[in-house]
Amino acid sequence: RLFFSAERELTRLRELQEVLVTIASTEMSFKSYVLPAMERFQQMHPKVRIRFSNALNTVMIDWLKNGLIDIAILHEPFRHEEFMDIRVLESMNEYAVCGGKYASFADDARTPEELLSLPFISMPQGSSTFDYLTRYFASSGLGFQPDIELTTVELTAQAVESGLGIGLLPQRIAAQGIAAGRLRRIPLTRPLPKRNACLLTHRERPLSAAAQAFAENVLASKPFG
């Protein structure tokens, strides 16, 4: 019994040295969850190779379904499918924010209709942020079509700070600009719902020892930023 236990442990350690771990996430998830876990994982398992890809939710879900990646880390909303094993990393708040010439827009509580009266900056269609905003405005019977589409959260923050329009940012990102006086949080008559950050794997495709170790590292870590 001890022999077989030792043999299994040797096999697991050998896998941790030889396997490639493939991970995909959005830019926001990379900074908050993947990067801190990657730094710790590399110290623990320096011989494991990691391949990271940045993509929109829709693309990552297809990659995971077709076995092109081991792990996807993304934010809701996304389409839930039977093959998914979903574990929640964090429930997070979103802020509607303004800055520059639109800073005074935060002086009063605003309705969804009023939010759409100014140029709106958003991530593009196919992103979780676009889907989230579409659902938020649809709950008030409104359509959503951003005036400016940008591909990263950081670009959105910079554009709002420059006064190109208003936008939506995760609390963690918005708080930095608010503390520095570059952004203001817009009070809302209809609150924004929380969003979950999730780690996804394929329930019918067992993870390698290395991929499982990386997933456990992410689940045990605290968000960064």
C-alpha atoms as a PDB file:
ATOM      1  CA  ARG A   1       0.000   0.000   0.000  1.00  0.00           C
ATOM      2  CA  LEU A   2       2.825   2.396   0.872  1.00  0.00           C
ATOM      3  CA  PHE A   3       4.574   1.455  -2.370  1.00  0.00           C
ATOM      4  CA  PHE A   4       1.548   2.328  -4.497  1.00  0.00           C
ATOM      5  CA  SER A   5       1.002   5.552  -2.571  1.00  0.00           C
ATOM      6  CA  ALA A   6       4.612   6.586  -3.186  1.00  0.00           C
ATOM      7  CA  GLU A   7       4.343   5.601  -6.838  1.00  0.00           C
ATOM      8  CA  ARG A   8       1.245   7.757  -7.309  1.00  0.00           C
ATOM      9  CA  GLU A   9       3.001  10.696  -5.675  1.00  0.00           C
ATOM     10  CA  LEU A  10       6.025  10.268  -7.964  1.00  0.00           C
ATOM     11  CA  THR A  11       3.695  10.178 -10.975  1.00  0.00           C
ATOM     12  CA  ARG A  12       1.996  13.370  -9.805  1.00  0.00           C
ATOM     13  CA  LEU A  13       5.337  15.134  -9.306  1.00  0.00           C
ATOM     14  CA  ARG A  14       6.511  13.985 -12.749  1.00  0.00           C
ATOM     15  CA  GLU A  15       3.334  15.419 -14.312  1.00  0.00           C
ATOM     16  CA  LEU A  16       3.918  18.720 -12.544  1.00  0.00           C
ATOM     17  CA  GLN A  17       7.297  18.957 -14.270  1.00  0.00           C
ATOM     18  CA  GLU A  18       6.256  17.895 -17.761  1.00  0.00           C
ATOM     19  CA  VAL A  19       2.751  19.283 -18.434  1.00  0.00           C
ATOM     20  CA  LEU A  20       1.834  22.514 -20.178  1.00  0.00           C
ATOM     21  CA  VAL A  21      -0.950  24.474 -18.445  1.00  0.00           C
ATOM     22  CA  THR A  22      -3.148  26.525 -20.793  1.00  0.00           C
ATOM     23  CA  ILE A  23      -5.119  29.427 -19.345  1.00  0.00           C
ATOM     24  CA  ALA A  24      -7.314  32.140 -20.825  1.00  0.00           C
ATOM     25  CA  SER A  25      -8.887  35.203 -19.265  1.00  0.00           C
ATOM     26  CA  THR A  26      -9.918  38.760 -19.969  1.00  0.00           C
ATOM     27  CA  GLU A  27      -7.471  41.594 -19.396  1.00  0.00           C
ATOM     28  CA  MET A  28      -9.239  42.505 -16.132  1.00  0.00           C
ATOM     29  CA  SER A  29      -9.183  38.924 -14.839  1.00  0.00           C
ATOM     30  CA  PHE A  30      -5.512  38.550 -15.744  1.00  0.00           C
ATOM     31  CA  LYS A  31      -4.465  41.425 -13.514  1.00  0.00           C
ATOM     32  CA  SER A  32      -6.758  40.495 -10.619  1.00  0.00           C
ATOM     33  CA  TYR A  33      -6.485  36.692 -10.516  1.00  0.00           C
ATOM     34  CA  VAL A  34      -4.133  35.104 -13.066  1.00  0.00           C
ATOM     35  CA  LEU A  35      -1.007  37.192 -12.551  1.00  0.00           C
ATOM     36  CA  PRO A  36      -0.801  36.807  -8.750  1.00  0.00           C
ATOM     37  CA  ALA A  37      -1.480  33.056  -9.025  1.00  0.00           C
ATOM     38  CA  MET A  38       1.054  32.708 -11.843  1.00  0.00           C
ATOM     39  CA  GLU A  39       3.795  34.365  -9.796  1.00  0.00           C
ATOM     40  CA  ARG A  40       3.239  32.034  -6.825  1.00  0.00           C
ATOM     41  CA  PHE A  41       2.780  28.950  -9.010  1.00  0.00           C
ATOM     42  CA  GLN A  42       6.042  29.579 -10.831  1.00  0.00           C
ATOM     43  CA  GLN A  43       7.903  29.698  -7.527  1.00  0.00           C
ATOM     44  CA  MET A  44       6.348  26.390  -6.445  1.00  0.00           C
ATOM     45  CA  HIS A  45       6.630  24.611  -9.824  1.00  0.00           C
ATOM     46  CA  PRO A  46       9.394  26.330 -11.835  1.00  0.00           C
ATOM     47  CA  LYS A  47       9.549  23.606 -14.506  1.00  0.00           C
ATOM     48  CA  VAL A  48       5.872  23.786 -15.468  1.00  0.00           C
ATOM     49  CA  ARG A  49       5.223  25.647 -18.714  1.00  0.00           C
ATOM     50  CA  ILE A  50       2.288  28.076 -18.850  1.00  0.00           C
ATOM     51  CA  ARG A  51       0.571  29.334 -21.972  1.00  0.00           C
ATOM     52  CA  PHE A  52      -1.749  32.308 -21.446  1.00  0.00           C
ATOM     53  CA  SER A  53      -4.228  33.763 -23.948  1.00  0.00           C
ATOM     54  CA  ASN A  54      -6.325  36.910 -23.670  1.00  0.00           C
ATOM     55  CA  ALA A  55      -9.807  36.789 -25.213  1.00  0.00           C
ATOM     56  CA  LEU A  56     -13.468  37.749 -24.914  1.00  0.00           C
ATOM     57  CA  ASN A  57     -15.853  35.494 -22.986  1.00  0.00           C
ATOM     58  CA  THR A  58     -17.445  34.002 -26.094  1.00  0.00           C
ATOM     59  CA  VAL A  59     -14.066  32.974 -27.495  1.00  0.00           C
ATOM     60  CA  MET A  60     -12.806  31.513 -24.212  1.00  0.00           C
ATOM     61  CA  ILE A  61     -15.928  29.414 -23.783  1.00  0.00           C
ATOM     62  CA  ASP A  62     -15.471  27.913 -27.252  1.00  0.00           C
ATOM     63  CA  TRP A  63     -11.792  27.220 -26.514  1.00  0.00           C
ATOM     64  CA  LEU A  64     -12.684  25.454 -23.263  1.00  0.00           C
ATOM     65  CA  LYS A  65     -15.450  23.440 -24.905  1.00  0.00           C
ATOM     66  CA  ASN A  66     -13.117  22.250 -27.666  1.00  0.00           C
ATOM     67  CA  GLY A  67     -10.212  21.382 -25.373  1.00  0.00           C
ATOM     68  CA  LEU A  68      -7.909  24.205 -26.451  1.00  0.00           C
ATOM     69  CA  ILE A  69      -7.449  25.498 -22.890  1.00  0.00           C
ATOM     70  CA  ASP A  70      -7.503  23.947 -19.416  1.00  0.00           C
ATOM     71  CA  ILE A  71      -8.866  26.891 -17.459  1.00  0.00           C
ATOM     72  CA  ALA A  72     -10.892  30.002 -18.254  1.00  0.00           C
ATOM     73  CA  ILE A  73     -11.256  32.893 -15.820  1.00  0.00           C
ATOM     74  CA  LEU A  74     -13.966  35.378 -16.683  1.00  0.00           C
ATOM     75  CA  HIS A  75     -16.755  37.577 -15.388  1.00  0.00           C
ATOM     76  CA  GLU A  76     -20.486  37.076 -15.623  1.00  0.00           C
ATOM     77  CA  PRO A  77     -22.697  37.288 -17.524  1.00  0.00           C
ATOM     78  CA  PHE A  78     -21.831  34.419 -19.858  1.00  0.00           C
ATOM     79  CA  ARG A  79     -23.813  31.542 -21.285  1.00  0.00           C
ATOM     80  CA  HIS A  80     -23.832  28.577 -18.911  1.00  0.00           C
ATOM     81  CA  GLU A  81     -23.460  25.192 -20.604  1.00  0.00           C
ATOM     82  CA  GLU A  82     -23.644  21.642 -19.267  1.00  0.00           C
ATOM     83  CA  PHE A  83     -19.947  20.918 -19.826  1.00  0.00           C
ATOM     84  CA  MET A  84     -18.882  23.724 -17.479  1.00  0.00           C
ATOM     85  CA  ASP A  85     -17.614  23.294 -13.938  1.00  0.00           C
ATOM     86  CA  ILE A  86     -18.056  26.812 -12.537  1.00  0.00           C
ATOM     87  CA  ARG A  87     -16.447  28.052  -9.323  1.00  0.00           C
ATOM     88  CA  VAL A  88     -17.013  31.614  -8.098  1.00  0.00           C
ATOM     89  CA  LEU A  89     -13.867  33.547  -7.210  1.00  0.00           C
ATOM     90  CA  GLU A  90     -15.445  36.798  -6.098  1.00  0.00           C
ATOM     91  CA  SER A  91     -18.662  38.804  -6.183  1.00  0.00           C
ATOM     92  CA  MET A  92     -17.791  42.337  -7.245  1.00  0.00           C
ATOM     93  CA  ASN A  93     -19.431  45.754  -7.518  1.00  0.00           C
ATOM     94  CA  GLU A  94     -19.540  47.920 -10.630  1.00  0.00           C
ATOM     95  CA  TYR A  95     -19.513  51.734 -10.635  1.00  0.00           C
ATOM     96  CA  ALA A  96     -20.912  54.122 -13.209  1.00  0.00           C
ATOM     97  CA  VAL A  97     -18.283  56.842 -13.440  1.00  0.00           C
ATOM     98  CA  CYS A  98     -17.611  60.194 -15.069  1.00  0.00           C
ATOM     99  CA  GLY A  99     -14.763  62.664 -15.253  1.00  0.00           C
ATOM    100  CA  GLY A 100     -13.375  65.664 -17.079  1.00  0.00           C
ATOM    101  CA  LYS A 101     -16.067  67.921 -18.539  1.00  0.00           C
ATOM    102  CA  TYR A 102     -18.773  65.478 -17.415  1.00  0.00           C
ATOM    103  CA  ALA A 103     -17.698  65.417 -13.744  1.00  0.00           C
ATOM    104  CA  SER A 104     -20.742  67.441 -12.603  1.00  0.00           C
ATOM    105  CA  PHE A 105     -22.990  64.663 -13.922  1.00  0.00           C
ATOM    106  CA  ALA A 106     -22.307  62.908 -10.602  1.00  0.00           C
ATOM    107  CA  ASP A 107     -23.912  65.721  -8.581  1.00  0.00           C
ATOM    108  CA  ASP A 108     -27.331  64.014  -8.677  1.00  0.00           C
ATOM    109  CA  ALA A 109     -28.705  60.469  -8.763  1.00  0.00           C
ATOM    110  CA  ARG A 110     -29.253  59.414 -12.378  1.00  0.00           C
ATOM    111  CA  THR A 111     -31.798  57.170 -14.039  1.00  0.00           C
ATOM    112  CA  PRO A 112     -30.836  54.633 -16.725  1.00  0.00           C
ATOM    113  CA  GLU A 113     -32.368  57.002 -19.291  1.00  0.00           C
ATOM    114  CA  GLU A 114     -30.128  59.827 -18.114  1.00  0.00           C
ATOM    115  CA  LEU A 115     -27.028  57.624 -18.364  1.00  0.00           C
ATOM    116  CA  LEU A 116     -27.750  57.167 -22.059  1.00  0.00           C
ATOM    117  CA  SER A 117     -28.126  60.915 -22.598  1.00  0.00           C
ATOM    118  CA  LEU A 118     -24.322  61.313 -22.579  1.00  0.00           C
ATOM    119  CA  PRO A 119     -21.688  59.590 -24.738  1.00  0.00           C
ATOM    120  CA  PHE A 120     -21.246  56.113 -23.276  1.00  0.00           C
ATOM    121  CA  ILE A 121     -17.906  54.267 -23.337  1.00  0.00           C
ATOM    122  CA  SER A 122     -17.951  50.473 -23.163  1.00  0.00           C
ATOM    123  CA  MET A 123     -16.137  47.284 -24.003  1.00  0.00           C
ATOM    124  CA  PRO A 124     -17.197  45.819 -27.394  1.00  0.00           C
ATOM    125  CA  GLN A 125     -19.942  43.346 -28.188  1.00  0.00           C
ATOM    126  CA  GLY A 126     -18.933  39.847 -27.101  1.00  0.00           C
ATOM    127  CA  SER A 127     -17.455  41.107 -23.838  1.00  0.00           C
ATOM    128  CA  SER A 128     -19.081  40.433 -20.471  1.00  0.00           C
ATOM    129  CA  THR A 129     -19.251  44.181 -19.792  1.00  0.00           C
ATOM    130  CA  PHE A 130     -21.248  44.785 -22.974  1.00  0.00           C
ATOM    131  CA  ASP A 131     -23.657  41.964 -22.091  1.00  0.00           C
ATOM    132  CA  TYR A 132     -23.931  43.201 -18.501  1.00  0.00           C
ATOM    133  CA  LEU A 133     -24.850  46.732 -19.610  1.00  0.00           C
ATOM    134  CA  THR A 134     -27.259  45.429 -22.250  1.00  0.00           C
ATOM    135  CA  ARG A 135     -29.127  43.492 -19.546  1.00  0.00           C
ATOM    136  CA  TYR A 136     -29.060  46.423 -17.129  1.00  0.00           C
ATOM    137  CA  PHE A 137     -30.625  48.842 -19.604  1.00  0.00           C
ATOM    138  CA  ALA A 138     -33.031  46.203 -20.954  1.00  0.00           C
ATOM    139  CA  SER A 139     -34.461  45.847 -17.421  1.00  0.00           C
ATOM    140  CA  SER A 140     -35.661  49.444 -17.869  1.00  0.00           C
ATOM    141  CA  GLY A 141     -36.948  48.806 -21.388  1.00  0.00           C
ATOM    142  CA  LEU A 142     -33.969  50.524 -23.015  1.00  0.00           C
ATOM    143  CA  GLY A 143     -31.612  49.481 -25.786  1.00  0.00           C
ATOM    144  CA  PHE A 144     -27.868  49.849 -25.368  1.00  0.00           C
ATOM    145  CA  GLN A 145     -25.442  50.970 -28.041  1.00  0.00           C
ATOM    146  CA  PRO A 146     -22.160  52.502 -26.831  1.00  0.00           C
ATOM    147  CA  ASP A 147     -20.822  55.621 -28.511  1.00  0.00           C
ATOM    148  CA  ILE A 148     -17.201  54.553 -28.028  1.00  0.00           C
ATOM    149  CA  GLU A 149     -15.986  50.947 -27.826  1.00  0.00           C
ATOM    150  CA  LEU A 150     -12.607  50.164 -26.265  1.00  0.00           C
ATOM    151  CA  THR A 151     -10.973  46.792 -25.798  1.00  0.00           C
ATOM    152  CA  THR A 152      -9.643  47.077 -22.230  1.00  0.00           C
ATOM    153  CA  VAL A 153     -10.822  48.312 -18.846  1.00  0.00           C
ATOM    154  CA  GLU A 154      -7.758  50.522 -18.464  1.00  0.00           C
ATOM    155  CA  LEU A 155      -8.466  52.277 -21.776  1.00  0.00           C
ATOM    156  CA  THR A 156     -12.064  52.802 -20.680  1.00  0.00           C
ATOM    157  CA  ALA A 157     -10.875  54.395 -17.433  1.00  0.00           C
ATOM    158  CA  GLN A 158      -8.490  56.702 -19.301  1.00  0.00           C
ATOM    159  CA  ALA A 159     -11.166  57.753 -21.795  1.00  0.00           C
ATOM    160  CA  VAL A 160     -13.644  58.566 -19.014  1.00  0.00           C
ATOM    161  CA  GLU A 161     -10.996  60.492 -17.101  1.00  0.00           C
ATOM    162  CA  SER A 162     -10.322  62.511 -20.268  1.00  0.00           C
ATOM    163  CA  GLY A 163     -13.982  63.503 -20.520  1.00  0.00           C
ATOM    164  CA  LEU A 164     -14.795  61.573 -23.694  1.00  0.00           C
ATOM    165  CA  GLY A 165     -17.904  60.172 -22.043  1.00  0.00           C
ATOM    166  CA  ILE A 166     -19.149  58.204 -19.068  1.00  0.00           C
ATOM    167  CA  GLY A 167     -18.635  54.505 -18.483  1.00  0.00           C
ATOM    168  CA  LEU A 168     -18.704  51.472 -16.241  1.00  0.00           C
ATOM    169  CA  LEU A 169     -15.736  50.244 -14.210  1.00  0.00           C
ATOM    170  CA  PRO A 170     -15.177  47.548 -11.578  1.00  0.00           C
ATOM    171  CA  GLN A 171     -15.100  49.046  -8.099  1.00  0.00           C
ATOM    172  CA  ARG A 172     -11.447  48.047  -7.662  1.00  0.00           C
ATOM    173  CA  ILE A 173     -10.404  49.990 -10.772  1.00  0.00           C
ATOM    174  CA  ALA A 174     -12.778  52.921 -10.282  1.00  0.00           C
ATOM    175  CA  ALA A 175     -11.678  53.450  -6.679  1.00  0.00           C
ATOM    176  CA  GLN A 176      -8.150  54.333  -7.805  1.00  0.00           C
ATOM    177  CA  GLY A 177      -9.367  57.130 -10.086  1.00  0.00           C
ATOM    178  CA  ILE A 178     -11.899  58.349  -7.521  1.00  0.00           C
ATOM    179  CA  ALA A 179      -9.258  58.537  -4.782  1.00  0.00           C
ATOM    180  CA  ALA A 180      -6.986  60.524  -7.122  1.00  0.00           C
ATOM    181  CA  GLY A 181      -9.803  62.925  -8.064  1.00  0.00           C
ATOM    182  CA  ARG A 182      -9.785  61.891 -11.728  1.00  0.00           C
ATOM    183  CA  LEU A 183     -13.149  60.111 -11.575  1.00  0.00           C
ATOM    184  CA  ARG A 184     -16.452  60.520  -9.798  1.00  0.00           C
ATOM    185  CA  ARG A 185     -18.964  57.804  -9.039  1.00  0.00           C
ATOM    186  CA  ILE A 186     -22.408  58.491 -10.491  1.00  0.00           C
ATOM    187  CA  PRO A 187     -25.210  57.728  -8.006  1.00  0.00           C
ATOM    188  CA  LEU A 188     -27.986  55.689  -9.630  1.00  0.00           C
ATOM    189  CA  THR A 189     -31.721  55.422  -9.024  1.00  0.00           C
ATOM    190  CA  ARG A 190     -31.544  51.793 -10.211  1.00  0.00           C
ATOM    191  CA  PRO A 191     -28.524  50.090  -8.600  1.00  0.00           C
ATOM    192  CA  LEU A 192     -26.129  48.053 -10.694  1.00  0.00           C
ATOM    193  CA  PRO A 193     -26.225  44.344  -9.789  1.00  0.00           C
ATOM    194  CA  LYS A 194     -23.094  42.599  -8.565  1.00  0.00           C
ATOM    195  CA  ARG A 195     -21.060  40.439 -10.941  1.00  0.00           C
ATOM    196  CA  ASN A 196     -19.297  37.170 -10.223  1.00  0.00           C
ATOM    197  CA  ALA A 197     -15.750  36.431 -11.300  1.00  0.00           C
ATOM    198  CA  CYS A 198     -15.567  32.708 -12.095  1.00  0.00           C
ATOM    199  CA  LEU A 199     -13.055  29.965 -12.781  1.00  0.00           C
ATOM    200  CA  LEU A 200     -14.257  27.514 -15.437  1.00  0.00           C
ATOM    201  CA  THR A 201     -13.026  24.047 -16.303  1.00  0.00           C
ATOM    202  CA  HIS A 202     -14.487  21.225 -18.422  1.00  0.00           C
ATOM    203  CA  ARG A 203     -16.321  18.789 -16.134  1.00  0.00           C
ATOM    204  CA  GLU A 204     -15.817  15.864 -18.550  1.00  0.00           C
ATOM    205  CA  ARG A 205     -12.123  16.494 -19.166  1.00  0.00           C
ATOM    206  CA  PRO A 206      -9.998  15.891 -16.037  1.00  0.00           C
ATOM    207  CA  LEU A 207      -7.276  18.442 -15.406  1.00  0.00           C
ATOM    208  CA  SER A 208      -3.628  17.423 -15.329  1.00  0.00           C
ATOM    209  CA  ALA A 209      -1.932  17.576 -11.932  1.00  0.00           C
ATOM    210  CA  ALA A 210      -0.279  20.842 -12.960  1.00  0.00           C
ATOM    211  CA  ALA A 211      -3.528  22.459 -14.179  1.00  0.00           C
ATOM    212  CA  GLN A 212      -5.327  21.331 -11.028  1.00  0.00           C
ATOM    213  CA  ALA A 213      -2.562  22.821  -8.889  1.00  0.00           C
ATOM    214  CA  PHE A 214      -2.838  26.119 -10.768  1.00  0.00           C
ATOM    215  CA  ALA A 215      -6.633  26.187 -10.367  1.00  0.00           C
ATOM    216  CA  GLU A 216      -6.307  25.564  -6.634  1.00  0.00           C
ATOM    217  CA  ASN A 217      -3.767  28.384  -6.456  1.00  0.00           C
ATOM    218  CA  VAL A 218      -6.229  30.793  -8.080  1.00  0.00           C
ATOM    219  CA  LEU A 219      -9.102  29.673  -5.841  1.00  0.00           C
ATOM    220  CA  ALA A 220      -7.017  30.132  -2.694  1.00  0.00           C
ATOM    221  CA  SER A 221      -5.696  33.558  -3.625  1.00  0.00           C
ATOM    222  CA  LYS A 222      -7.053  37.014  -2.877  1.00  0.00           C
ATOM    223  CA  PRO A 223      -7.763  39.337  -5.815  1.00  0.00           C
ATOM    224  CA  PHE A 224      -5.040  41.824  -6.660  1.00  0.00           C
ATOM    225  CA  GLY A 225      -5.480  45.461  -7.524  1.00  0.00           C
END
